[in-house]
Amino acid sequence: MVAAKKRAEKMQRPSEVWDLERYLTKRRAQIDRQFDYRYSVLIMVFGSLLREGKMTEHDLDGLSEDKLAAIRRFAELWGR
């Protein structure tokens, strides 16, 4: 919200509203991907959070080894 408010405060031309709209649309998509808790995408969500350092393997304690391996693979593949 802070970043969006700062952008809005700096706007001087009506056309800049569309720049703000594009920024908000992009951020919404990023947030939706990051916090998508559907079971079918949890490996990707956890892998992304692990890769970004927002989650540690310790946070995943209790998951089965096959799920942990899949999460690690996703983090490694998409971290390159």
PDB file of N, CA and C in Angstrom:
ATOM      1  N   MET A   1       0.823  -1.190   0.000  1.00  0.00           N
ATOM      2  CA  MET A   1       0.000   0.000   0.000  1.00  0.00           C
ATOM      3  C   MET A   1       0.865   1.250   0.000  1.00  0.00           C
ATOM      4  N   VAL A   2       1.962   1.186   0.733  1.00  0.00           N
ATOM      5  CA  VAL A   2       2.842   2.351   0.818  1.00  0.00           C
ATOM      6  C   VAL A   2       3.380   2.708  -0.564  1.00  0.00           C
ATOM      7  N   ALA A   3       3.851   1.708  -1.300  1.00  0.00           N
ATOM      8  CA  ALA A   3       4.406   1.961  -2.630  1.00  0.00           C
ATOM      9  C   ALA A   3       3.339   2.521  -3.569  1.00  0.00           C
ATOM     10  N   ALA A   4       2.141   1.986  -3.507  1.00  0.00           N
ATOM     11  CA  ALA A   4       1.056   2.470  -4.362  1.00  0.00           C
ATOM     12  C   ALA A   4       0.686   3.908  -4.012  1.00  0.00           C
ATOM     13  N   LYS A   5       0.640   4.223  -2.734  1.00  0.00           N
ATOM     14  CA  LYS A   5       0.314   5.592  -2.311  1.00  0.00           C
ATOM     15  C   LYS A   5       1.380   6.577  -2.772  1.00  0.00           C
ATOM     16  N   LYS A   6       2.646   6.173  -2.661  1.00  0.00           N
ATOM     17  CA  LYS A   6       3.734   7.049  -3.108  1.00  0.00           C
ATOM     18  C   LYS A   6       3.623   7.320  -4.603  1.00  0.00           C
ATOM     19  N   ARG A   7       3.334   6.264  -5.368  1.00  0.00           N
ATOM     20  CA  ARG A   7       3.165   6.435  -6.823  1.00  0.00           C
ATOM     21  C   ARG A   7       1.999   7.377  -7.117  1.00  0.00           C
ATOM     22  N   ALA A   8       0.910   7.201  -6.399  1.00  0.00           N
ATOM     23  CA  ALA A   8      -0.274   8.033  -6.630  1.00  0.00           C
ATOM     24  C   ALA A   8       0.017   9.495  -6.290  1.00  0.00           C
ATOM     25  N   GLU A   9       0.754   9.728  -5.220  1.00  0.00           N
ATOM     26  CA  GLU A   9       1.074  11.098  -4.816  1.00  0.00           C
ATOM     27  C   GLU A   9       1.954  11.805  -5.843  1.00  0.00           C
ATOM     28  N   LYS A  10       2.780  11.052  -6.553  1.00  0.00           N
ATOM     29  CA  LYS A  10       3.703  11.636  -7.524  1.00  0.00           C
ATOM     30  C   LYS A  10       3.051  11.894  -8.887  1.00  0.00           C
ATOM     31  N   MET A  11       1.850  11.389  -9.102  1.00  0.00           N
ATOM     32  CA  MET A  11       1.195  11.549 -10.398  1.00  0.00           C
ATOM     33  C   MET A  11       0.875  13.017 -10.652  1.00  0.00           C
ATOM     34  N   GLN A  12       1.163  13.437 -11.881  1.00  0.00           N
ATOM     35  CA  GLN A  12       0.880  14.821 -12.251  1.00  0.00           C
ATOM     36  C   GLN A  12       0.001  14.927 -13.503  1.00  0.00           C
ATOM     37  N   ARG A  13      -0.054  13.843 -14.263  1.00  0.00           N
ATOM     38  CA  ARG A  13      -0.853  13.849 -15.495  1.00  0.00           C
ATOM     39  C   ARG A  13      -1.904  12.739 -15.405  1.00  0.00           C
ATOM     40  N   PRO A  14      -3.056  12.964 -16.005  1.00  0.00           N
ATOM     41  CA  PRO A  14      -4.096  11.927 -15.996  1.00  0.00           C
ATOM     42  C   PRO A  14      -3.615  10.602 -16.573  1.00  0.00           C
ATOM     43  N   SER A  15      -2.733  10.646 -17.550  1.00  0.00           N
ATOM     44  CA  SER A  15      -2.261   9.402 -18.172  1.00  0.00           C
ATOM     45  C   SER A  15      -1.467   8.531 -17.201  1.00  0.00           C
ATOM     46  N   GLU A  16      -0.967   9.127 -16.149  1.00  0.00           N
ATOM     47  CA  GLU A  16      -0.192   8.358 -15.166  1.00  0.00           C
ATOM     48  C   GLU A  16      -1.075   7.425 -14.334  1.00  0.00           C
ATOM     49  N   VAL A  17      -2.369   7.636 -14.370  1.00  0.00           N
ATOM     50  CA  VAL A  17      -3.291   6.720 -13.690  1.00  0.00           C
ATOM     51  C   VAL A  17      -3.147   5.323 -14.280  1.00  0.00           C
ATOM     52  N   TRP A  18      -2.918   5.243 -15.584  1.00  0.00           N
ATOM     53  CA  TRP A  18      -2.784   3.946 -16.245  1.00  0.00           C
ATOM     54  C   TRP A  18      -1.473   3.270 -15.840  1.00  0.00           C
ATOM     55  N   ASP A  19      -0.438   4.060 -15.592  1.00  0.00           N
ATOM     56  CA  ASP A  19       0.815   3.478 -15.097  1.00  0.00           C
ATOM     57  C   ASP A  19       0.593   2.856 -13.717  1.00  0.00           C
ATOM     58  N   LEU A  20      -0.160   3.569 -12.878  1.00  0.00           N
ATOM     59  CA  LEU A  20      -0.477   3.046 -11.557  1.00  0.00           C
ATOM     60  C   LEU A  20      -1.314   1.775 -11.675  1.00  0.00           C
ATOM     61  N   GLU A  21      -2.257   1.771 -12.597  1.00  0.00           N
ATOM     62  CA  GLU A  21      -3.097   0.587 -12.798  1.00  0.00           C
ATOM     63  C   GLU A  21      -2.254  -0.611 -13.232  1.00  0.00           C
ATOM     64  N   ARG A  22      -1.297  -0.405 -14.140  1.00  0.00           N
ATOM     65  CA  ARG A  22      -0.422  -1.494 -14.581  1.00  0.00           C
ATOM     66  C   ARG A  22       0.432  -2.007 -13.417  1.00  0.00           C
ATOM     67  N   TYR A  23       0.956  -1.083 -12.614  1.00  0.00           N
ATOM     68  CA  TYR A  23       1.754  -1.472 -11.452  1.00  0.00           C
ATOM     69  C   TYR A  23       0.913  -2.323 -10.492  1.00  0.00           C
ATOM     70  N   LEU A  24      -0.294  -1.871 -10.194  1.00  0.00           N
ATOM     71  CA  LEU A  24      -1.157  -2.600  -9.255  1.00  0.00           C
ATOM     72  C   LEU A  24      -1.559  -3.961  -9.803  1.00  0.00           C
ATOM     73  N   THR A  25      -1.822  -4.036 -11.082  1.00  0.00           N
ATOM     74  CA  THR A  25      -2.182  -5.314 -11.703  1.00  0.00           C
ATOM     75  C   THR A  25      -1.018  -6.294 -11.609  1.00  0.00           C
ATOM     76  N   LYS A  26       0.189  -5.807 -11.886  1.00  0.00           N
ATOM     77  CA  LYS A  26       1.380  -6.664 -11.806  1.00  0.00           C
ATOM     78  C   LYS A  26       1.605  -7.149 -10.364  1.00  0.00           C
ATOM     79  N   ARG A  27       1.498  -6.244  -9.399  1.00  0.00           N
ATOM     80  CA  ARG A  27       1.690  -6.619  -7.992  1.00  0.00           C
ATOM     81  C   ARG A  27       0.619  -7.606  -7.532  1.00  0.00           C
ATOM     82  N   ARG A  28      -0.606  -7.412  -7.977  1.00  0.00           N
ATOM     83  CA  ARG A  28      -1.674  -8.340  -7.588  1.00  0.00           C
ATOM     84  C   ARG A  28      -1.360  -9.745  -8.094  1.00  0.00           C
ATOM     85  N   ALA A  29      -0.898  -9.844  -9.334  1.00  0.00           N
ATOM     86  CA  ALA A  29      -0.555 -11.149  -9.897  1.00  0.00           C
ATOM     87  C   ALA A  29       0.580 -11.795  -9.101  1.00  0.00           C
ATOM     88  N   GLN A  30       1.585 -11.005  -8.717  1.00  0.00           N
ATOM     89  CA  GLN A  30       2.693 -11.540  -7.922  1.00  0.00           C
ATOM     90  C   GLN A  30       2.199 -12.041  -6.565  1.00  0.00           C
ATOM     91  N   ILE A  31       1.376 -11.267  -5.920  1.00  0.00           N
ATOM     92  CA  ILE A  31       0.852 -11.642  -4.603  1.00  0.00           C
ATOM     93  C   ILE A  31      -0.065 -12.858  -4.714  1.00  0.00           C
ATOM     94  N   ASP A  32      -0.894 -12.884  -5.743  1.00  0.00           N
ATOM     95  CA  ASP A  32      -1.779 -14.039  -5.933  1.00  0.00           C
ATOM     96  C   ASP A  32      -0.983 -15.319  -6.138  1.00  0.00           C
ATOM     97  N   ARG A  33       0.115 -15.233  -6.900  1.00  0.00           N
ATOM     98  CA  ARG A  33       0.948 -16.425  -7.102  1.00  0.00           C
ATOM     99  C   ARG A  33       1.647 -16.834  -5.809  1.00  0.00           C
ATOM    100  N   GLN A  34       2.107 -15.849  -5.057  1.00  0.00           N
ATOM    101  CA  GLN A  34       2.862 -16.142  -3.843  1.00  0.00           C
ATOM    102  C   GLN A  34       1.985 -16.727  -2.745  1.00  0.00           C
ATOM    103  N   PHE A  35       0.749 -16.339  -2.700  1.00  0.00           N
ATOM    104  CA  PHE A  35      -0.123 -16.784  -1.619  1.00  0.00           C
ATOM    105  C   PHE A  35      -1.295 -17.614  -2.124  1.00  0.00           C
ATOM    106  N   ASP A  36      -1.017 -18.455  -3.085  1.00  0.00           N
ATOM    107  CA  ASP A  36      -2.021 -19.360  -3.633  1.00  0.00           C
ATOM    108  C   ASP A  36      -1.956 -20.650  -2.820  1.00  0.00           C
ATOM    109  N   TYR A  37      -2.971 -20.906  -2.021  1.00  0.00           N
ATOM    110  CA  TYR A  37      -2.934 -22.044  -1.111  1.00  0.00           C
ATOM    111  C   TYR A  37      -3.735 -23.244  -1.596  1.00  0.00           C
ATOM    112  N   ARG A  38      -4.066 -23.291  -2.883  1.00  0.00           N
ATOM    113  CA  ARG A  38      -4.727 -24.474  -3.396  1.00  0.00           C
ATOM    114  C   ARG A  38      -3.743 -25.637  -3.291  1.00  0.00           C
ATOM    115  N   TYR A  39      -4.224 -26.771  -2.865  1.00  0.00           N
ATOM    116  CA  TYR A  39      -3.368 -27.933  -2.662  1.00  0.00           C
ATOM    117  C   TYR A  39      -2.564 -28.273  -3.907  1.00  0.00           C
ATOM    118  N   SER A  40      -3.169 -28.084  -5.057  1.00  0.00           N
ATOM    119  CA  SER A  40      -2.519 -28.466  -6.313  1.00  0.00           C
ATOM    120  C   SER A  40      -1.292 -27.627  -6.641  1.00  0.00           C
ATOM    121  N   VAL A  41      -1.130 -26.483  -6.018  1.00  0.00           N
ATOM    122  CA  VAL A  41       0.015 -25.618  -6.326  1.00  0.00           C
ATOM    123  C   VAL A  41       0.935 -25.371  -5.132  1.00  0.00           C
ATOM    124  N   LEU A  42       0.708 -26.057  -4.024  1.00  0.00           N
ATOM    125  CA  LEU A  42       1.515 -25.802  -2.835  1.00  0.00           C
ATOM    126  C   LEU A  42       3.003 -26.084  -3.057  1.00  0.00           C
ATOM    127  N   ILE A  43       3.341 -27.077  -3.849  1.00  0.00           N
ATOM    128  CA  ILE A  43       4.759 -27.361  -4.107  1.00  0.00           C
ATOM    129  C   ILE A  43       5.412 -26.153  -4.771  1.00  0.00           C
ATOM    130  N   MET A  44       4.725 -25.545  -5.712  1.00  0.00           N
ATOM    131  CA  MET A  44       5.265 -24.362  -6.388  1.00  0.00           C
ATOM    132  C   MET A  44       5.342 -23.171  -5.434  1.00  0.00           C
ATOM    133  N   VAL A  45       4.308 -22.974  -4.616  1.00  0.00           N
ATOM    134  CA  VAL A  45       4.296 -21.857  -3.673  1.00  0.00           C
ATOM    135  C   VAL A  45       5.422 -22.023  -2.661  1.00  0.00           C
ATOM    136  N   PHE A  46       5.523 -23.202  -2.047  1.00  0.00           N
ATOM    137  CA  PHE A  46       6.581 -23.428  -1.069  1.00  0.00           C
ATOM    138  C   PHE A  46       7.958 -23.358  -1.719  1.00  0.00           C
ATOM    139  N   GLY A  47       8.091 -23.885  -2.925  1.00  0.00           N
ATOM    140  CA  GLY A  47       9.371 -23.820  -3.636  1.00  0.00           C
ATOM    141  C   GLY A  47       9.789 -22.387  -3.905  1.00  0.00           C
ATOM    142  N   SER A  48       8.842 -21.557  -4.306  1.00  0.00           N
ATOM    143  CA  SER A  48       9.137 -20.139  -4.558  1.00  0.00           C
ATOM    144  C   SER A  48       9.541 -19.427  -3.276  1.00  0.00           C
ATOM    145  N   LEU A  49       8.801 -19.673  -2.195  1.00  0.00           N
ATOM    146  CA  LEU A  49       9.121 -19.036  -0.913  1.00  0.00           C
ATOM    147  C   LEU A  49      10.476 -19.502  -0.394  1.00  0.00           C
ATOM    148  N   LEU A  50      10.789 -20.770  -0.590  1.00  0.00           N
ATOM    149  CA  LEU A  50      12.081 -21.314  -0.182  1.00  0.00           C
ATOM    150  C   LEU A  50      13.197 -20.648  -0.986  1.00  0.00           C
ATOM    151  N   ARG A  51      13.021 -20.574  -2.292  1.00  0.00           N
ATOM    152  CA  ARG A  51      14.016 -19.974  -3.179  1.00  0.00           C
ATOM    153  C   ARG A  51      14.253 -18.501  -2.827  1.00  0.00           C
ATOM    154  N   GLU A  52      13.197 -17.783  -2.477  1.00  0.00           N
ATOM    155  CA  GLU A  52      13.302 -16.359  -2.173  1.00  0.00           C
ATOM    156  C   GLU A  52      13.794 -16.092  -0.749  1.00  0.00           C
ATOM    157  N   GLY A  53      13.981 -17.151   0.040  1.00  0.00           N
ATOM    158  CA  GLY A  53      14.450 -16.976   1.408  1.00  0.00           C
ATOM    159  C   GLY A  53      13.362 -16.537   2.375  1.00  0.00           C
ATOM    160  N   LYS A  54      12.122 -16.608   1.951  1.00  0.00           N
ATOM    161  CA  LYS A  54      11.009 -16.212   2.807  1.00  0.00           C
ATOM    162  C   LYS A  54      10.521 -17.378   3.657  1.00  0.00           C
ATOM    163  N   MET A  55      11.099 -18.555   3.406  1.00  0.00           N
ATOM    164  CA  MET A  55      10.758 -19.767   4.128  1.00  0.00           C
ATOM    165  C   MET A  55      12.033 -20.608   4.199  1.00  0.00           C
ATOM    166  N   THR A  56      12.198 -21.335   5.278  1.00  0.00           N
ATOM    167  CA  THR A  56      13.344 -22.237   5.396  1.00  0.00           C
ATOM    168  C   THR A  56      12.846 -23.676   5.352  1.00  0.00           C
ATOM    169  N   GLU A  57      13.770 -24.590   5.139  1.00  0.00           N
ATOM    170  CA  GLU A  57      13.374 -26.003   5.149  1.00  0.00           C
ATOM    171  C   GLU A  57      12.845 -26.399   6.521  1.00  0.00           C
ATOM    172  N   HIS A  58      13.322 -25.740   7.553  1.00  0.00           N
ATOM    173  CA  HIS A  58      12.813 -26.010   8.908  1.00  0.00           C
ATOM    174  C   HIS A  58      11.306 -25.717   8.983  1.00  0.00           C
ATOM    175  N   ASP A  59      10.853 -24.704   8.243  1.00  0.00           N
ATOM    176  CA  ASP A  59       9.433 -24.367   8.228  1.00  0.00           C
ATOM    177  C   ASP A  59       8.585 -25.471   7.604  1.00  0.00           C
ATOM    178  N   LEU A  60       9.231 -26.358   6.876  1.00  0.00           N
ATOM    179  CA  LEU A  60       8.516 -27.433   6.181  1.00  0.00           C
ATOM    180  C   LEU A  60       8.544 -28.752   6.953  1.00  0.00           C
ATOM    181  N   ASP A  61       9.042 -28.711   8.190  1.00  0.00           N
ATOM    182  CA  ASP A  61       9.058 -29.925   9.011  1.00  0.00           C
ATOM    183  C   ASP A  61       7.665 -30.534   9.072  1.00  0.00           C
ATOM    184  N   GLY A  62       7.614 -31.837   8.939  1.00  0.00           N
ATOM    185  CA  GLY A  62       6.349 -32.541   9.009  1.00  0.00           C
ATOM    186  C   GLY A  62       5.828 -32.978   7.654  1.00  0.00           C
ATOM    187  N   LEU A  63       6.378 -32.404   6.588  1.00  0.00           N
ATOM    188  CA  LEU A  63       5.968 -32.843   5.257  1.00  0.00           C
ATOM    189  C   LEU A  63       6.693 -34.138   4.919  1.00  0.00           C
ATOM    190  N   SER A  64       6.105 -34.919   4.077  1.00  0.00           N
ATOM    191  CA  SER A  64       6.739 -36.174   3.680  1.00  0.00           C
ATOM    192  C   SER A  64       7.996 -35.890   2.860  1.00  0.00           C
ATOM    193  N   GLU A  65       8.898 -36.861   2.850  1.00  0.00           N
ATOM    194  CA  GLU A  65      10.161 -36.680   2.135  1.00  0.00           C
ATOM    195  C   GLU A  65       9.938 -36.470   0.639  1.00  0.00           C
ATOM    196  N   ASP A  66       8.929 -37.121   0.062  1.00  0.00           N
ATOM    197  CA  ASP A  66       8.684 -36.919  -1.373  1.00  0.00           C
ATOM    198  C   ASP A  66       8.193 -35.505  -1.664  1.00  0.00           C
ATOM    199  N   LYS A  67       7.397 -34.931  -0.764  1.00  0.00           N
ATOM    200  CA  LYS A  67       6.949 -33.546  -0.941  1.00  0.00           C
ATOM    201  C   LYS A  67       8.123 -32.586  -0.776  1.00  0.00           C
ATOM    202  N   LEU A  68       8.955 -32.839   0.237  1.00  0.00           N
ATOM    203  CA  LEU A  68      10.138 -31.994   0.441  1.00  0.00           C
ATOM    204  C   LEU A  68      11.057 -32.042  -0.777  1.00  0.00           C
ATOM    205  N   ALA A  69      11.253 -33.217  -1.326  1.00  0.00           N
ATOM    206  CA  ALA A  69      12.119 -33.361  -2.502  1.00  0.00           C
ATOM    207  C   ALA A  69      11.541 -32.585  -3.681  1.00  0.00           C
ATOM    208  N   ALA A  70      10.240 -32.646  -3.870  1.00  0.00           N
ATOM    209  CA  ALA A  70       9.599 -31.923  -4.970  1.00  0.00           C
ATOM    210  C   ALA A  70       9.726 -30.409  -4.777  1.00  0.00           C
ATOM    211  N   ILE A  71       9.574 -29.954  -3.548  1.00  0.00           N
ATOM    212  CA  ILE A  71       9.709 -28.528  -3.241  1.00  0.00           C
ATOM    213  C   ILE A  71      11.139 -28.073  -3.502  1.00  0.00           C
ATOM    214  N   ARG A  72      12.111 -28.864  -3.054  1.00  0.00           N
ATOM    215  CA  ARG A  72      13.523 -28.523  -3.296  1.00  0.00           C
ATOM    216  C   ARG A  72      13.823 -28.457  -4.788  1.00  0.00           C
ATOM    217  N   ARG A  73      13.324 -29.442  -5.541  1.00  0.00           N
ATOM    218  CA  ARG A  73      13.537 -29.452  -7.000  1.00  0.00           C
ATOM    219  C   ARG A  73      12.962 -28.202  -7.649  1.00  0.00           C
ATOM    220  N   PHE A  74      11.752 -27.843  -7.256  1.00  0.00           N
ATOM    221  CA  PHE A  74      11.134 -26.649  -7.822  1.00  0.00           C
ATOM    222  C   PHE A  74      11.964 -25.412  -7.495  1.00  0.00           C
ATOM    223  N   ALA A  75      12.398 -25.295  -6.243  1.00  0.00           N
ATOM    224  CA  ALA A  75      13.198 -24.141  -5.834  1.00  0.00           C
ATOM    225  C   ALA A  75      14.498 -24.062  -6.625  1.00  0.00           C
ATOM    226  N   GLU A  76      15.127 -25.205  -6.840  1.00  0.00           N
ATOM    227  CA  GLU A  76      16.392 -25.232  -7.589  1.00  0.00           C
ATOM    228  C   GLU A  76      16.176 -24.915  -9.062  1.00  0.00           C
ATOM    229  N   LEU A  77      15.168 -25.519  -9.667  1.00  0.00           N
ATOM    230  CA  LEU A  77      14.908 -25.297 -11.091  1.00  0.00           C
ATOM    231  C   LEU A  77      14.573 -23.857 -11.410  1.00  0.00           C
ATOM    232  N   TRP A  78      13.727 -23.264 -10.608  1.00  0.00           N
ATOM    233  CA  TRP A  78      13.276 -21.916 -10.894  1.00  0.00           C
ATOM    234  C   TRP A  78      14.163 -20.859 -10.273  1.00  0.00           C
ATOM    235  N   GLY A  79      15.180 -21.274  -9.517  1.00  0.00           N
ATOM    236  CA  GLY A  79      16.096 -20.326  -8.913  1.00  0.00           C
ATOM    237  C   GLY A  79      17.280 -19.994  -9.798  1.00  0.00           C
ATOM    238  N   ARG A  80      17.367 -20.680 -10.928  1.00  0.00           N
ATOM    239  CA  ARG A  80      18.514 -20.482 -11.817  1.00  0.00           C
ATOM    240  C   ARG A  80      18.345 -19.284 -12.702  1.00  0.00           C
TER     241      ARG A  80
END
